[in-house]
PDB file of N, CA and C in Angstrom:
ATOM      1  N   MET A   1       0.993  -1.175  -0.108  1.00  0.00           N
ATOM      2  CA  MET A   1       0.028  -0.174  -0.156  1.00  0.00           C
ATOM      3  C   MET A   1       0.707   1.228  -0.051  1.00  0.00           C
ATOM      4  N   PRO A   2       0.771   1.903  -0.896  1.00  0.00           N
ATOM      5  CA  PRO A   2       1.939   2.922  -0.793  1.00  0.00           C
ATOM      6  C   PRO A   2       1.238   4.485   0.042  1.00  0.00           C
ATOM      7  N   VAL A   3       2.493   4.924   0.634  1.00  0.00           N
ATOM      8  CA  VAL A   3       2.057   5.563   1.143  1.00  0.00           C
ATOM      9  C   VAL A   3       2.874   7.055   0.891  1.00  0.00           C
ATOM     10  N   VAL A   4       2.316   8.460   0.477  1.00  0.00           N
ATOM     11  CA  VAL A   4       2.933   9.700   0.007  1.00  0.00           C
ATOM     12  C   VAL A   4       2.762  10.526   1.270  1.00  0.00           C
ATOM     13  N   ILE A   5       3.782  11.576   1.684  1.00  0.00           N
ATOM     14  CA  ILE A   5       3.983  12.747   2.278  1.00  0.00           C
ATOM     15  C   ILE A   5       4.273  13.686   1.460  1.00  0.00           C
ATOM     16  N   TYR A   6       2.976  14.351   1.379  1.00  0.00           N
ATOM     17  CA  TYR A   6       3.086  15.743   0.382  1.00  0.00           C
ATOM     18  C   TYR A   6       3.990  16.598   0.442  1.00  0.00           C
ATOM     19  N   PRO A   7       4.790  17.239  -0.496  1.00  0.00           N
ATOM     20  CA  PRO A   7       5.456  19.001  -0.584  1.00  0.00           C
ATOM     21  C   PRO A   7       4.798  19.947   1.058  1.00  0.00           C
ATOM     22  N   PRO A   8       5.328  20.228   1.789  1.00  0.00           N
ATOM     23  CA  PRO A   8       5.016  21.010   3.087  1.00  0.00           C
ATOM     24  C   PRO A   8       4.300  22.459   2.370  1.00  0.00           C
ATOM     25  N   ALA A   9       3.347  22.616   3.078  1.00  0.00           N
ATOM     26  CA  ALA A   9       2.250  23.764   2.448  1.00  0.00           C
ATOM     27  C   ALA A   9       3.057  24.866   3.261  1.00  0.00           C
ATOM     28  N   PRO A  10       2.228  26.214   2.835  1.00  0.00           N
ATOM     29  CA  PRO A  10       2.679  27.545   3.525  1.00  0.00           C
ATOM     30  C   PRO A  10       2.671  27.107   5.312  1.00  0.00           C
ATOM     31  N   ASP A  11       1.845  26.387   5.473  1.00  0.00           N
ATOM     32  CA  ASP A  11       1.909  26.691   7.462  1.00  0.00           C
ATOM     33  C   ASP A  11       3.090  25.494   7.731  1.00  0.00           C
ATOM     34  N   GLY A  12       3.832  24.453   6.759  1.00  0.00           N
ATOM     35  CA  GLY A  12       4.375  23.739   7.515  1.00  0.00           C
ATOM     36  C   GLY A  12       3.916  22.533   7.346  1.00  0.00           C
ATOM     37  N   GLY A  13       2.895  22.302   7.313  1.00  0.00           N
ATOM     38  CA  GLY A  13       1.925  20.847   7.120  1.00  0.00           C
ATOM     39  C   GLY A  13       2.063  20.179   6.106  1.00  0.00           C
ATOM     40  N   ARG A  14       1.932  18.794   6.079  1.00  0.00           N
ATOM     41  CA  ARG A  14       2.187  18.030   4.719  1.00  0.00           C
ATOM     42  C   ARG A  14       0.724  17.142   4.583  1.00  0.00           C
ATOM     43  N   ARG A  15       0.505  16.717   3.470  1.00  0.00           N
ATOM     44  CA  ARG A  15      -0.777  16.041   3.358  1.00  0.00           C
ATOM     45  C   ARG A  15      -0.252  14.690   3.596  1.00  0.00           C
ATOM     46  N   VAL A  16      -1.103  13.867   3.757  1.00  0.00           N
ATOM     47  CA  VAL A  16      -0.700  12.256   4.162  1.00  0.00           C
ATOM     48  C   VAL A  16      -1.940  11.359   3.730  1.00  0.00           C
ATOM     49  N   ARG A  17      -1.141  11.070   2.670  1.00  0.00           N
ATOM     50  CA  ARG A  17      -1.883   9.699   1.844  1.00  0.00           C
ATOM     51  C   ARG A  17      -1.547   8.425   2.082  1.00  0.00           C
ATOM     52  N   VAL A  18      -2.626   7.406   2.231  1.00  0.00           N
ATOM     53  CA  VAL A  18      -2.247   6.073   2.680  1.00  0.00           C
ATOM     54  C   VAL A  18      -3.175   4.990   1.408  1.00  0.00           C
ATOM     55  N   GLY A  19      -2.829   4.720   0.486  1.00  0.00           N
ATOM     56  CA  GLY A  19      -3.501   3.751  -0.346  1.00  0.00           C
ATOM     57  C   GLY A  19      -4.102   5.110  -1.305  1.00  0.00           C
ATOM     58  N   ASP A  20      -5.329   5.297  -1.362  1.00  0.00           N
ATOM     59  CA  ASP A  20      -5.928   6.189  -1.983  1.00  0.00           C
ATOM     60  C   ASP A  20      -6.874   7.094  -1.177  1.00  0.00           C
ATOM     61  N   ARG A  21      -6.767   7.141  -0.262  1.00  0.00           N
ATOM     62  CA  ARG A  21      -7.107   7.760   1.263  1.00  0.00           C
ATOM     63  C   ARG A  21      -6.421   8.849   1.414  1.00  0.00           C
ATOM     64  N   PHE A  22      -6.658  10.040   1.671  1.00  0.00           N
ATOM     65  CA  PHE A  22      -5.929  11.059   2.352  1.00  0.00           C
ATOM     66  C   PHE A  22      -6.468  10.994   3.695  1.00  0.00           C
ATOM     67  N   VAL A  23      -5.316  10.777   4.839  1.00  0.00           N
ATOM     68  CA  VAL A  23      -5.718  10.423   6.035  1.00  0.00           C
ATOM     69  C   VAL A  23      -5.289  11.976   6.724  1.00  0.00           C
ATOM     70  N   GLY A  24      -4.655  12.868   6.679  1.00  0.00           N
ATOM     71  CA  GLY A  24      -4.837  13.673   7.429  1.00  0.00           C
ATOM     72  C   GLY A  24      -3.529  14.938   7.059  1.00  0.00           C
ATOM     73  N   MET A  25      -3.423  15.846   7.428  1.00  0.00           N
ATOM     74  CA  MET A  25      -2.036  16.802   7.673  1.00  0.00           C
ATOM     75  C   MET A  25      -1.370  16.991   8.985  1.00  0.00           C
ATOM     76  N   ALA A  26       0.146  16.355   8.339  1.00  0.00           N
ATOM     77  CA  ALA A  26       1.136  15.694   9.297  1.00  0.00           C
ATOM     78  C   ALA A  26       2.080  17.367   9.473  1.00  0.00           C
ATOM     79  N   TYR A  27       2.469  17.587  10.925  1.00  0.00           N
ATOM     80  CA  TYR A  27       3.210  18.658  11.069  1.00  0.00           C
ATOM     81  C   TYR A  27       4.671  17.911  11.745  1.00  0.00           C
ATOM     82  N   THR A  28       4.417  16.675  11.912  1.00  0.00           N
ATOM     83  CA  THR A  28       5.635  16.111  12.393  1.00  0.00           C
ATOM     84  C   THR A  28       5.903  14.642  11.859  1.00  0.00           C
ATOM     85  N   VAL A  29       7.263  13.816  12.140  1.00  0.00           N
ATOM     86  CA  VAL A  29       7.316  12.431  11.562  1.00  0.00           C
ATOM     87  C   VAL A  29       5.885  11.822  12.669  1.00  0.00           C
ATOM     88  N   LEU A  30       6.196  12.112  14.047  1.00  0.00           N
ATOM     89  CA  LEU A  30       5.176  11.579  14.515  1.00  0.00           C
ATOM     90  C   LEU A  30       3.681  11.745  14.106  1.00  0.00           C
ATOM     91  N   ASP A  31       3.204  12.513  13.556  1.00  0.00           N
ATOM     92  CA  ASP A  31       2.004  12.834  13.206  1.00  0.00           C
ATOM     93  C   ASP A  31       1.573  11.721  12.145  1.00  0.00           C
ATOM     94  N   VAL A  32       2.766  11.645  10.672  1.00  0.00           N
ATOM     95  CA  VAL A  32       2.442  10.545   9.861  1.00  0.00           C
ATOM     96  C   VAL A  32       2.254   8.932  10.711  1.00  0.00           C
ATOM     97  N   VAL A  33       3.591   8.679  11.975  1.00  0.00           N
ATOM     98  CA  VAL A  33       3.425   7.452  12.615  1.00  0.00           C
ATOM     99  C   VAL A  33       2.081   7.159  13.147  1.00  0.00           C
ATOM    100  N   GLU A  34       1.413   8.280  13.696  1.00  0.00           N
ATOM    101  CA  GLU A  34       0.219   7.758  14.148  1.00  0.00           C
ATOM    102  C   GLU A  34      -0.887   7.701  13.315  1.00  0.00           C
ATOM    103  N   PHE A  35      -0.848   8.508  12.077  1.00  0.00           N
ATOM    104  CA  PHE A  35      -1.750   8.387  10.720  1.00  0.00           C
ATOM    105  C   PHE A  35      -1.764   6.737  10.078  1.00  0.00           C
ATOM    106  N   LEU A  36      -0.358   6.373  10.361  1.00  0.00           N
ATOM    107  CA  LEU A  36      -0.282   5.078   9.602  1.00  0.00           C
ATOM    108  C   LEU A  36      -0.744   4.412  10.692  1.00  0.00           C
ATOM    109  N   ARG A  37      -0.435   4.269  12.144  1.00  0.00           N
ATOM    110  CA  ARG A  37      -1.214   3.509  12.562  1.00  0.00           C
ATOM    111  C   ARG A  37      -2.631   3.104  13.369  1.00  0.00           C
ATOM    112  N   ARG A  38      -3.668   4.331  12.507  1.00  0.00           N
ATOM    113  CA  ARG A  38      -4.992   4.260  12.604  1.00  0.00           C
ATOM    114  C   ARG A  38      -5.574   3.915  11.211  1.00  0.00           C
ATOM    115  N   SER A  39      -4.870   4.187  10.334  1.00  0.00           N
ATOM    116  CA  SER A  39      -5.652   4.574   9.018  1.00  0.00           C
ATOM    117  C   SER A  39      -4.603   3.170   8.240  1.00  0.00           C
ATOM    118  N   GLY A  40      -3.477   2.512   8.579  1.00  0.00           N
ATOM    119  CA  GLY A  40      -2.738   1.593   7.667  1.00  0.00           C
ATOM    120  C   GLY A  40      -3.362   0.217   7.900  1.00  0.00           C
ATOM    121  N   PRO A  41      -2.916  -0.486   7.376  1.00  0.00           N
ATOM    122  CA  PRO A  41      -3.192  -1.766   7.131  1.00  0.00           C
ATOM    123  C   PRO A  41      -2.758  -2.811   8.516  1.00  0.00           C
ATOM    124  N   GLU A  42      -3.391  -3.519   8.973  1.00  0.00           N
ATOM    125  CA  GLU A  42      -2.864  -4.127  10.578  1.00  0.00           C
ATOM    126  C   GLU A  42      -1.326  -4.021  10.785  1.00  0.00           C
ATOM    127  N   GLY A  43      -0.190  -4.358   9.571  1.00  0.00           N
ATOM    128  CA  GLY A  43       0.780  -4.591   9.894  1.00  0.00           C
ATOM    129  C   GLY A  43       1.800  -3.507  10.170  1.00  0.00           C
ATOM    130  N   LEU A  44       0.986  -2.326  10.113  1.00  0.00           N
ATOM    131  CA  LEU A  44       1.284  -1.158  10.604  1.00  0.00           C
ATOM    132  C   LEU A  44       0.951  -0.717  11.728  1.00  0.00           C
ATOM    133  N   ALA A  45       0.231  -1.170  12.363  1.00  0.00           N
ATOM    134  CA  ALA A  45      -0.062  -0.843  13.747  1.00  0.00           C
ATOM    135  C   ALA A  45       1.086  -0.515  15.156  1.00  0.00           C
ATOM    136  N   ALA A  46       1.712  -1.640  14.606  1.00  0.00           N
ATOM    137  CA  ALA A  46       3.216  -1.086  15.366  1.00  0.00           C
ATOM    138  C   ALA A  46       4.186  -0.719  14.996  1.00  0.00           C
ATOM    139  N   VAL A  47       4.089   0.582  13.586  1.00  0.00           N
ATOM    140  CA  VAL A  47       5.114   1.211  13.287  1.00  0.00           C
ATOM    141  C   VAL A  47       5.808   2.324  13.975  1.00  0.00           C
ATOM    142  N   GLU A  48       7.079   2.337  13.877  1.00  0.00           N
ATOM    143  CA  GLU A  48       7.392   3.418  14.873  1.00  0.00           C
ATOM    144  C   GLU A  48       8.015   4.211  13.753  1.00  0.00           C
ATOM    145  N   GLU A  49       8.626   5.804  14.417  1.00  0.00           N
ATOM    146  CA  GLU A  49       9.407   6.844  13.801  1.00  0.00           C
ATOM    147  C   GLU A  49      10.334   6.616  12.956  1.00  0.00           C
ATOM    148  N   ALA A  50      11.459   5.692  13.398  1.00  0.00           N
ATOM    149  CA  ALA A  50      12.722   5.070  12.345  1.00  0.00           C
ATOM    150  C   ALA A  50      12.293   4.306  11.585  1.00  0.00           C
ATOM    151  N   ASP A  51      11.165   3.736  11.173  1.00  0.00           N
ATOM    152  CA  ASP A  51      10.620   2.901  10.443  1.00  0.00           C
ATOM    153  C   ASP A  51      10.280   3.954   9.227  1.00  0.00           C
ATOM    154  N   VAL A  52       8.946   4.947   9.627  1.00  0.00           N
ATOM    155  CA  VAL A  52       8.786   5.760   8.538  1.00  0.00           C
ATOM    156  C   VAL A  52       9.960   6.069   7.928  1.00  0.00           C
ATOM    157  N   VAL A  53      10.998   6.578   8.614  1.00  0.00           N
ATOM    158  CA  VAL A  53      12.033   7.514   7.950  1.00  0.00           C
ATOM    159  C   VAL A  53      13.133   6.989   6.803  1.00  0.00           C
ATOM    160  N   GLY A  54      13.051   5.823   7.469  1.00  0.00           N
ATOM    161  CA  GLY A  54      13.483   5.162   6.327  1.00  0.00           C
ATOM    162  C   GLY A  54      13.125   3.796   5.789  1.00  0.00           C
ATOM    163  N   ALA A  55      11.893   3.843   5.426  1.00  0.00           N
ATOM    164  CA  ALA A  55      11.047   2.920   4.957  1.00  0.00           C
ATOM    165  C   ALA A  55      11.450   3.157   3.428  1.00  0.00           C
ATOM    166  N   GLY A  56      11.615   2.217   2.533  1.00  0.00           N
ATOM    167  CA  GLY A  56      11.595   2.512   0.954  1.00  0.00           C
ATOM    168  C   GLY A  56      10.104   2.791   0.567  1.00  0.00           C
ATOM    169  N   TRP A  57       9.160   2.244   1.462  1.00  0.00           N
ATOM    170  CA  TRP A  57       7.637   2.547   0.753  1.00  0.00           C
ATOM    171  C   TRP A  57       7.216   3.408   1.127  1.00  0.00           C
ATOM    172  N   VAL A  58       7.782   4.753   1.885  1.00  0.00           N
ATOM    173  CA  VAL A  58       6.975   5.922   1.964  1.00  0.00           C
ATOM    174  C   VAL A  58       7.668   7.001   1.188  1.00  0.00           C
ATOM    175  N   GLU A  59       6.518   7.917   0.318  1.00  0.00           N
ATOM    176  CA  GLU A  59       7.288   8.454  -0.664  1.00  0.00           C
ATOM    177  C   GLU A  59       7.029   9.808   0.054  1.00  0.00           C
ATOM    178  N   TRP A  60       8.493  10.548  -0.011  1.00  0.00           N
ATOM    179  CA  TRP A  60       8.763  11.764   0.447  1.00  0.00           C
ATOM    180  C   TRP A  60       8.367  12.821  -1.092  1.00  0.00           C
ATOM    181  N   GLN A  61       7.288  13.452  -0.999  1.00  0.00           N
ATOM    182  CA  GLN A  61       7.667  14.268  -1.636  1.00  0.00           C
ATOM    183  C   GLN A  61       8.046  15.982  -1.597  1.00  0.00           C
ATOM    184  N   GLY A  62       8.968  16.579  -2.383  1.00  0.00           N
ATOM    185  CA  GLY A  62       9.005  18.124  -2.224  1.00  0.00           C
ATOM    186  C   GLY A  62      10.091  18.176  -1.225  1.00  0.00           C
ATOM    187  N   ALA A  63      10.099  17.208  -0.017  1.00  0.00           N
ATOM    188  CA  ALA A  63      11.241  17.687   1.146  1.00  0.00           C
ATOM    189  C   ALA A  63      11.156  16.092   1.685  1.00  0.00           C
ATOM    190  N   GLY A  64      12.379  15.827   2.391  1.00  0.00           N
ATOM    191  CA  GLY A  64      12.709  14.455   3.151  1.00  0.00           C
ATOM    192  C   GLY A  64      12.095  14.528   4.571  1.00  0.00           C
ATOM    193  N   PRO A  65      12.178  13.253   5.513  1.00  0.00           N
ATOM    194  CA  PRO A  65      11.488  13.352   5.917  1.00  0.00           C
ATOM    195  C   PRO A  65      11.802  14.212   7.191  1.00  0.00           C
ATOM    196  N   ARG A  66      13.048  14.603   7.579  1.00  0.00           N
ATOM    197  CA  ARG A  66      13.512  15.481   8.616  1.00  0.00           C
ATOM    198  C   ARG A  66      12.758  17.444   8.056  1.00  0.00           C
ATOM    199  N   GLU A  67      12.174  17.627   7.183  1.00  0.00           N
ATOM    200  CA  GLU A  67      11.777  18.989   6.743  1.00  0.00           C
ATOM    201  C   GLU A  67      10.987  19.355   7.309  1.00  0.00           C
ATOM    202  N   TRP A  68      10.581  20.220   8.330  1.00  0.00           N
ATOM    203  CA  TRP A  68       8.886  20.473   8.344  1.00  0.00           C
ATOM    204  C   TRP A  68       8.748  21.953   9.192  1.00  0.00           C
ATOM    205  N   PRO A  69       8.888  22.749   7.675  1.00  0.00           N
ATOM    206  CA  PRO A  69       9.389  24.318   7.929  1.00  0.00           C
ATOM    207  C   PRO A  69       7.743  25.021   8.402  1.00  0.00           C
ATOM    208  N   ARG A  70       8.328  25.829   9.344  1.00  0.00           N
ATOM    209  CA  ARG A  70       7.288  26.741  10.026  1.00  0.00           C
ATOM    210  C   ARG A  70       7.237  28.065  10.000  1.00  0.00           C
TER     211      ARG A  70
END
């Protein structure tokens, strides 16, 4: 299931899509983790920050996982 983190918006938030659904606006990697825990398949229920940052299955568009402008 593809996970896409979109480029930062003017307020620093980044839209998060899991599969074909937008699941929220993230302002930190921990927000992404929580969205995956709640919205992803059961296998993502135990996902951690390091899993998301280094995952090849997460597509970071416009900026990497360490870039959250505000």
